[in-house]
Protein backbone atom coordinates (compact mmCIF):
# COMPACT_ATOMS: atom_id res chain seq x y z
CA MET A 1 84.84 107.70 100.98
CA PRO A 2 82.69 104.63 100.35
CA THR A 3 80.26 103.64 103.07
CA GLY A 4 77.73 100.91 103.76
CA THR A 5 77.65 97.15 103.94
CA ILE A 6 80.51 96.57 101.50
CA THR A 7 82.76 98.69 103.72
CA GLN A 8 81.96 96.48 106.71
CA GLU A 9 82.64 93.35 104.66
CA ILE A 10 85.99 94.69 103.44
CA LYS A 11 87.04 95.66 106.98
CA LYS A 12 86.13 92.18 108.22
CA ALA A 13 88.03 90.49 105.37
CA VAL A 14 91.18 92.56 105.92
CA HIS A 15 91.17 91.90 109.67
CA THR A 16 90.51 88.18 109.14
CA ASN A 17 93.40 87.90 106.68
CA ALA A 18 95.67 90.03 108.84
CA SER A 19 95.26 87.57 111.70
CA SER A 20 97.42 85.13 109.69
CA TRP A 21 100.25 87.61 109.19
CA THR A 22 103.40 86.59 111.01
CA THR A 23 105.11 89.97 111.26
CA LEU A 24 102.29 92.32 112.05
CA LYS A 25 99.06 92.05 114.00
CA LYS A 26 98.09 95.71 114.37
CA VAL A 27 95.83 96.76 111.51
CA TYR A 28 93.49 99.75 111.69
CA TYR A 29 90.84 101.21 109.40
CA THR A 30 91.40 104.93 108.59
CA ASN A 31 93.40 105.79 111.74
CA ALA A 32 95.33 104.39 114.67
CA SER A 33 95.16 105.78 118.18
CA GLN A 34 97.83 108.26 119.15
CA GLY A 35 100.66 106.40 120.82
CA THR A 36 100.13 103.11 118.95
CA THR A 37 103.41 101.22 119.04
CA PHE A 38 105.24 100.46 115.83
CA PRO A 39 104.91 98.68 113.49
CA TYR A 40 101.31 98.96 112.37
CA VAL A 41 99.22 99.36 109.22
CA VAL A 42 96.37 101.76 108.50
CA PHE A 43 94.19 100.89 105.54
CA TYR A 44 91.62 102.87 103.57
CA LEU A 45 88.85 101.81 101.23
CA ILE A 46 89.45 104.14 98.29
CA THR A 47 86.78 102.93 95.87
CA ASP A 48 84.14 100.25 95.62
CA SER A 49 82.25 99.89 92.37
CA GLU A 50 79.36 97.48 92.14
CA ASN A 51 79.21 95.37 89.01
CA GLY A 52 76.33 93.06 88.29
CA SER A 53 76.11 89.97 86.17
CA SER A 54 73.42 88.54 83.94
CA THR A 55 72.58 86.05 86.70
CA GLY A 56 71.86 88.82 89.21
CA GLU A 57 74.99 88.26 91.29
CA LYS A 58 76.82 91.31 92.63
CA PHE A 59 80.53 91.82 92.21
CA TYR A 60 82.64 94.68 93.50
CA ASP A 61 85.83 96.24 92.20
CA VAL A 62 87.61 97.45 95.31
CA LYS A 63 90.75 99.56 95.70
CA LEU A 64 92.48 99.60 99.09
CA GLN A 65 95.36 101.75 100.27
CA TYR A 66 97.70 100.47 102.99
CA ASN A 67 100.01 102.80 104.92
CA ILE A 68 102.79 101.06 106.84
CA TYR A 69 104.20 102.76 109.93
CA SER A 70 107.51 101.58 111.36
CA ALA A 71 110.04 103.14 113.71
CA SER A 72 112.85 102.00 111.42
CA VAL A 73 113.12 100.48 107.98
CA ASP A 74 115.89 98.23 109.32
CA ASN A 75 114.14 96.81 112.39
CA GLY A 76 113.17 93.12 112.72
CA ASP A 77 109.67 93.85 111.39
CA SER A 78 110.90 95.07 108.04
CA VAL A 79 108.67 97.10 105.79
CA GLU A 80 109.41 94.69 102.94
CA THR A 81 108.12 91.72 104.97
CA ILE A 82 104.96 93.61 105.90
CA MET A 83 104.45 94.63 102.26
CA GLY A 84 104.77 90.99 101.22
CA GLU A 85 102.12 89.91 103.71
CA ILE A 86 99.76 92.63 102.48
CA GLN A 87 100.32 91.64 98.85
CA ASN A 88 99.46 88.02 99.65
CA ILE A 89 95.92 88.99 100.67
CA SER A 90 95.22 91.85 98.29
């Protein structure tokens, strides 16, 4: 699993973007506490590859995985709505 400064930056960015989600406010990195109420999302940083440029700037190719946990697919906080909010920031 990737570690280091980029991981901290990605976590911060996901949490900042998640604060604008209308359906879901509970977002956790790698695990949620036992007993967390539904719905919630757990995300993982799968890969982060550093790519440089000729000007010395650093760029990263990042792959995230989001797991959505819901008590029911048909509840008011539908999985489809949550997926749409995630796709808007990814």
